[in-house]
Amino acid sequence: MTTSIDMQAVADLLLEVGRDIVMPRFRCLRAEDVAEKTSHKDLVTVADEEAEAFLTPRLEALLAGSQAVGEEAVGRNPTLMGRLREPGLSWLIDPIDGTASFAVGSPFFATMVALVRDGDAVASWILDPPSGRLYMAEKGAGAWLREPDGSLHRLHMPSPPSLAHLSGVANFGISDRELARRMAYRIDQTAGMLNLRCSGQEYPAMALGQIHWGIYGRNIPWDHAPGTLLVCEAGGIARRLNGQDYRAADPPGGSPLVAACGEDQWNWLKTGIFDP
């Protein structure tokens, strides 16, 4: 990786925002601290806004010429998404992934950041604020778990021996009803399926080997660029169901994104579960 980035400097910012902004609001939100965005399924809280406002200038200051693309900022100005398709460096920010869970006091949420160069994620950070565990990945250099005591552990995804041993997560909005039917009919060929409604929890679970795959249809970049890089650097793959590689600059939607713990496992899922 030619772009020099201080991985620990970004980690420190996420740990600070988790400690000082996100967790003090957890299970302490008032009714007026939560609002709907485009639908009742898409919420924003005062903690989302404050966390993104904290991270944006500090991340941009780490790399000259870099620009932030935050979820809440894009909600106010959708044209900011175009920065991901421009040459140069961008910071993707998801201040609280899993806001619906956060708003009701469930611990399944995360804070995520990815550094994007010329449309591709080259570094990522995923913080689990309740536990203080931080996941980091750098393109071509690997993936790690940083424990609250500061210890680092290299991540290597295990490779289950057959389709029957694979458990995973499905979150594709049920937009493709035929695909949903096929999955419902065939999922008993696997070890099972869940949905945490938080990709910032699901991708680390994949990297740790707790689950082995995920399929996603609503491929918003701040939801998936950090996690797909983590999975790939831990030895897995992330590819669209049509075979195309996933890129942070991809427009939302399109062919579903499938992340898996390895090439063989990805192919077992495609032919055994997803294909007509």
Protein backbone atom coordinates (compact mmCIF):
# COMPACT_ATOMS: atom_id res chain seq x y z
CA MET A 1 0.00 0.00 0.00
CA THR A 2 1.56 3.26 -1.12
CA THR A 3 -0.67 5.58 0.89
CA SER A 4 0.92 6.06 4.30
CA ILE A 5 -1.68 5.96 7.03
CA ASP A 6 -1.17 5.71 10.76
CA MET A 7 -3.53 2.84 11.59
CA GLN A 8 -3.27 3.51 15.32
CA ALA A 9 -4.13 7.20 14.92
CA VAL A 10 -7.45 6.27 13.35
CA ALA A 11 -7.99 3.55 15.94
CA ASP A 12 -7.48 6.11 18.70
CA LEU A 13 -10.11 8.40 17.14
CA LEU A 14 -12.66 5.59 17.02
CA LEU A 15 -11.94 4.56 20.58
CA GLU A 16 -12.36 8.17 21.69
CA VAL A 17 -15.66 8.62 19.87
CA GLY A 18 -16.94 5.35 21.25
CA ARG A 19 -15.95 6.22 24.82
CA ASP A 20 -16.91 9.90 24.89
CA ILE A 21 -19.83 10.21 22.46
CA VAL A 22 -21.50 6.90 21.63
CA MET A 23 -21.51 4.99 24.91
CA PRO A 24 -22.65 7.91 27.10
CA ARG A 25 -25.81 8.03 24.93
CA PHE A 26 -26.38 4.26 24.95
CA ARG A 27 -29.61 3.43 26.80
CA CYS A 28 -29.85 7.13 27.74
CA LEU A 29 -31.61 8.51 24.65
CA ARG A 30 -34.67 10.69 25.04
CA ALA A 31 -37.54 10.59 22.54
CA GLU A 32 -36.34 13.82 20.95
CA ASP A 33 -32.86 12.32 20.44
CA VAL A 34 -34.17 9.86 17.81
CA ALA A 35 -35.64 10.73 14.40
CA GLU A 36 -36.68 8.92 11.24
CA LYS A 37 -34.83 9.56 8.00
CA THR A 38 -36.38 8.13 4.83
CA SER A 39 -38.53 5.53 6.58
CA HIS A 40 -39.40 4.10 9.99
CA LYS A 41 -36.68 1.48 9.35
CA ASP A 42 -33.97 4.14 8.92
CA LEU A 43 -33.27 6.07 12.11
CA VAL A 44 -30.76 8.70 13.16
CA THR A 45 -29.89 9.70 16.72
CA VAL A 46 -28.05 12.59 18.26
CA ALA A 47 -25.14 10.19 18.82
CA ASP A 48 -24.91 9.47 15.07
CA GLU A 49 -24.72 13.18 14.30
CA GLU A 50 -22.24 13.98 17.06
CA ALA A 51 -19.95 11.04 16.26
CA GLU A 52 -19.79 11.92 12.56
CA ALA A 53 -19.18 15.58 13.34
CA PHE A 54 -16.30 14.58 15.62
CA LEU A 55 -14.68 12.16 13.16
CA THR A 56 -15.00 14.14 9.91
CA PRO A 57 -12.48 16.97 10.46
CA ARG A 58 -10.06 14.80 12.42
CA LEU A 59 -9.89 12.11 9.75
CA GLU A 60 -9.48 14.66 6.97
CA ALA A 61 -6.62 16.24 8.93
CA LEU A 62 -4.72 12.92 8.96
CA LEU A 63 -4.19 12.87 5.18
CA ALA A 64 -3.78 16.04 3.13
CA GLY A 65 -6.41 16.36 0.41
CA SER A 66 -8.64 13.60 1.74
CA GLN A 67 -12.41 14.11 1.89
CA ALA A 68 -15.01 12.55 4.17
CA VAL A 69 -18.13 10.78 2.96
CA GLY A 70 -20.27 10.29 6.06
CA GLU A 71 -23.64 8.59 6.18
CA GLU A 72 -25.40 11.52 7.81
CA ALA A 73 -23.73 14.10 5.55
CA VAL A 74 -24.80 12.15 2.47
CA GLY A 75 -28.33 12.07 3.86
CA ARG A 76 -28.31 15.86 3.78
CA ASN A 77 -26.39 16.15 0.49
CA PRO A 78 -26.50 12.99 -1.69
CA THR A 79 -24.02 14.47 -4.21
CA LEU A 80 -21.23 13.81 -1.68
CA MET A 81 -21.39 10.14 -2.66
CA GLY A 82 -19.69 11.11 -5.93
CA ARG A 83 -16.44 11.70 -4.04
CA LEU A 84 -15.95 7.93 -3.91
CA ARG A 85 -15.77 7.79 -7.70
CA GLU A 86 -13.20 10.57 -7.98
CA PRO A 87 -9.42 9.97 -7.98
CA GLY A 88 -7.81 10.46 -4.62
CA LEU A 89 -8.54 9.64 -0.98
CA SER A 90 -11.88 9.53 0.79
CA TRP A 91 -12.95 8.56 4.29
CA LEU A 92 -16.15 6.54 4.55
CA ILE A 93 -17.79 7.08 7.94
CA ASP A 94 -20.63 5.11 9.49
CA PRO A 95 -20.92 6.77 12.92
CA ILE A 96 -23.33 4.14 14.24
CA ASP A 97 -24.10 1.10 12.15
CA GLY A 98 -27.17 -0.60 13.57
CA THR A 99 -28.82 2.62 14.74
CA ALA A 100 -32.17 0.84 15.15
CA SER A 101 -30.57 -1.49 17.69
CA PHE A 102 -28.70 1.35 19.41
CA ALA A 103 -31.92 3.35 19.73
CA VAL A 104 -33.69 0.58 21.64
CA GLY A 105 -30.77 -0.34 23.87
CA SER A 106 -29.57 -3.45 22.04
CA PRO A 107 -25.75 -3.88 21.93
CA PHE A 108 -25.67 -4.92 18.24
CA PHE A 109 -24.18 -1.76 16.76
CA ALA A 110 -20.75 -0.53 15.64
CA THR A 111 -18.77 2.49 14.49
CA MET A 112 -16.98 2.02 11.16
CA VAL A 113 -14.48 3.87 9.00
CA ALA A 114 -12.81 2.96 5.70
CA LEU A 115 -10.09 4.75 3.80
CA VAL A 116 -10.87 4.65 0.07
CA ARG A 117 -8.27 5.31 -2.63
CA ASP A 118 -9.45 5.72 -6.23
CA GLY A 119 -12.68 3.88 -5.45
CA ASP A 120 -11.26 0.93 -3.51
CA ALA A 121 -11.03 0.46 0.27
CA VAL A 122 -7.39 0.26 1.35
CA ALA A 123 -7.80 0.36 5.14
CA SER A 124 -10.68 -0.11 7.56
CA TRP A 125 -11.61 0.05 11.24
CA ILE A 126 -14.67 -1.40 12.98
CA LEU A 127 -15.29 -0.62 16.64
CA ASP A 128 -17.67 -2.54 18.89
CA PRO A 129 -18.28 0.28 21.40
CA PRO A 130 -19.86 -1.79 24.22
CA SER A 131 -16.89 -4.18 24.41
CA GLY A 132 -14.14 -1.82 23.23
CA ARG A 133 -12.96 -4.41 20.70
CA LEU A 134 -11.56 -2.88 17.51
CA TYR A 135 -11.06 -4.65 14.18
CA MET A 136 -8.55 -3.26 11.67
CA ALA A 137 -7.50 -4.22 8.15
CA GLU A 138 -4.99 -2.84 5.66
CA LYS A 139 -5.01 -3.92 2.04
CA GLY A 140 -2.23 -6.40 1.40
CA ALA A 141 -1.10 -6.35 5.03
CA GLY A 142 -3.70 -8.39 6.93
CA ALA A 143 -6.46 -8.02 9.50
CA TRP A 144 -6.27 -7.77 13.30
CA LEU A 145 -8.37 -7.64 16.41
CA ARG A 146 -7.29 -5.10 19.02
CA GLU A 147 -8.53 -6.07 22.47
CA PRO A 148 -9.40 -3.43 25.10
CA ASP A 149 -6.07 -4.12 26.84
CA GLY A 150 -4.23 -3.13 23.63
CA SER A 151 -3.17 -6.63 22.61
CA LEU A 152 -3.32 -7.44 18.88
CA HIS A 153 -4.38 -10.73 17.31
CA ARG A 154 -3.98 -11.54 13.62
CA LEU A 155 -7.23 -12.79 12.10
CA HIS A 156 -7.41 -15.88 9.87
CA MET A 157 -10.83 -17.16 8.84
CA PRO A 158 -11.34 -20.93 9.24
CA SER A 159 -12.47 -23.02 6.25
CA PRO A 160 -15.32 -25.43 7.07
CA PRO A 161 -15.19 -28.63 5.02
CA SER A 162 -18.63 -28.59 3.36
CA LEU A 163 -21.77 -26.58 2.68
CA ALA A 164 -23.46 -28.35 5.58
CA HIS A 165 -20.96 -26.78 8.01
CA LEU A 166 -21.53 -23.18 6.87
CA SER A 167 -23.62 -20.75 8.91
CA GLY A 168 -24.28 -17.25 7.70
CA VAL A 169 -26.31 -14.07 7.60
CA ALA A 170 -28.81 -12.83 5.03
CA ASN A 171 -29.81 -9.20 4.64
CA PHE A 172 -30.88 -8.35 1.12
CA GLY A 173 -34.14 -6.50 1.77
CA ILE A 174 -36.16 -9.33 0.20
CA SER A 175 -36.04 -7.26 -3.00
CA ASP A 176 -35.37 -10.36 -5.11
CA ARG A 177 -38.31 -12.58 -4.19
CA GLU A 178 -37.13 -15.50 -6.30
CA LEU A 179 -33.76 -15.49 -4.58
CA ALA A 180 -35.52 -15.31 -1.20
CA ARG A 181 -37.66 -18.33 -2.11
CA ARG A 182 -34.64 -20.35 -3.21
CA MET A 183 -32.80 -19.54 -0.01
CA ALA A 184 -35.80 -20.40 2.17
CA TYR A 185 -36.20 -23.73 0.40
CA ARG A 186 -32.50 -24.70 0.47
CA ILE A 187 -31.14 -23.19 3.67
CA ASP A 188 -31.51 -26.50 5.51
CA GLN A 189 -28.53 -27.69 3.45
CA THR A 190 -26.37 -25.35 5.60
CA ALA A 191 -25.75 -24.97 9.33
CA GLY A 192 -28.26 -22.11 9.55
CA MET A 193 -28.79 -18.39 9.02
CA LEU A 194 -29.35 -15.24 11.09
CA ASN A 195 -29.64 -11.47 10.70
CA LEU A 196 -28.13 -9.09 13.28
CA ARG A 197 -29.28 -5.97 11.35
CA CYS A 198 -25.75 -4.63 11.75
CA SER A 199 -23.02 -5.34 9.21
CA GLY A 200 -20.52 -3.88 11.69
CA GLN A 201 -21.25 -6.88 13.91
CA GLU A 202 -21.67 -9.43 11.12
CA TYR A 203 -18.38 -8.90 9.26
CA PRO A 204 -16.27 -9.23 12.44
CA ALA A 205 -18.20 -12.40 13.28
CA MET A 206 -17.15 -13.72 9.86
CA ALA A 207 -13.53 -12.70 10.38
CA LEU A 208 -13.53 -14.52 13.74
CA GLY A 209 -15.06 -17.67 12.23
CA GLN A 210 -18.27 -17.40 14.28
CA ILE A 211 -20.23 -17.36 11.01
CA HIS A 212 -18.93 -18.12 7.54
CA TRP A 213 -20.82 -16.07 4.96
CA GLY A 214 -23.18 -13.18 4.36
CA ILE A 215 -25.38 -12.01 1.48
CA TYR A 216 -26.43 -8.38 1.11
CA GLY A 217 -28.58 -6.63 -1.47
CA ARG A 218 -28.62 -3.02 -0.25
CA ASN A 219 -24.90 -2.41 -0.70
CA ILE A 220 -24.46 1.06 0.81
CA PRO A 221 -20.69 1.68 0.84
CA TRP A 222 -20.28 2.75 4.47
CA ASP A 223 -22.07 -0.46 5.49
CA HIS A 224 -19.83 -2.80 3.46
CA ALA A 225 -16.48 -1.28 2.47
CA PRO A 226 -14.99 -1.61 5.99
CA GLY A 227 -16.21 -5.17 6.50
CA THR A 228 -15.43 -6.59 3.08
CA LEU A 229 -11.81 -5.46 3.43
CA LEU A 230 -11.64 -7.03 6.90
CA VAL A 231 -12.96 -10.34 5.57
CA CYS A 232 -10.68 -10.34 2.52
CA GLU A 233 -7.58 -9.55 4.58
CA ALA A 234 -8.54 -12.35 7.00
CA GLY A 235 -8.45 -14.80 4.09
CA GLY A 236 -12.00 -14.63 2.78
CA ILE A 237 -13.52 -13.14 -0.36
CA ALA A 238 -16.23 -10.58 -1.15
CA ARG A 239 -17.78 -10.71 -4.59
CA ARG A 240 -21.11 -9.96 -6.17
CA LEU A 241 -23.32 -12.90 -7.05
CA ASN A 242 -22.75 -12.13 -10.75
CA GLY A 243 -19.01 -12.69 -10.23
CA GLN A 244 -17.90 -9.04 -10.19
CA ASP A 245 -15.53 -7.90 -7.44
CA TYR A 246 -17.04 -5.53 -4.87
CA ARG A 247 -15.74 -1.93 -4.83
CA ALA A 248 -16.45 0.86 -2.38
CA ALA A 249 -17.27 3.16 -5.31
CA ASP A 250 -20.02 0.87 -6.61
CA PRO A 251 -23.47 2.50 -6.66
CA PRO A 252 -25.87 1.01 -4.11
CA GLY A 253 -27.93 -1.92 -5.31
CA GLY A 254 -27.07 -4.16 -8.23
CA SER A 255 -26.17 -7.81 -7.95
CA PRO A 256 -26.17 -9.00 -4.30
CA LEU A 257 -22.86 -8.97 -2.45
CA VAL A 258 -21.72 -12.32 -1.07
CA ALA A 259 -18.87 -12.48 1.45
CA ALA A 260 -17.50 -15.88 2.43
CA CYS A 261 -14.61 -17.46 4.27
CA GLY A 262 -13.00 -18.81 1.09
CA GLU A 263 -13.27 -19.43 -2.64
CA ASP A 264 -14.58 -22.98 -2.27
CA GLN A 265 -17.19 -21.92 0.28
CA TRP A 266 -18.33 -19.01 -1.92
CA ASN A 267 -18.84 -21.40 -4.83
CA TRP A 268 -20.70 -23.96 -2.69
CA LEU A 269 -23.11 -21.25 -1.60
CA LYS A 270 -23.61 -19.90 -5.11
CA THR A 271 -24.34 -23.26 -6.74
CA GLY A 272 -26.07 -24.92 -3.78
CA ILE A 273 -28.17 -22.07 -2.35
CA PHE A 274 -28.35 -18.98 -4.53
CA ASP A 275 -28.36 -20.06 -8.20
CA PRO A 276 -31.63 -20.96 -9.98
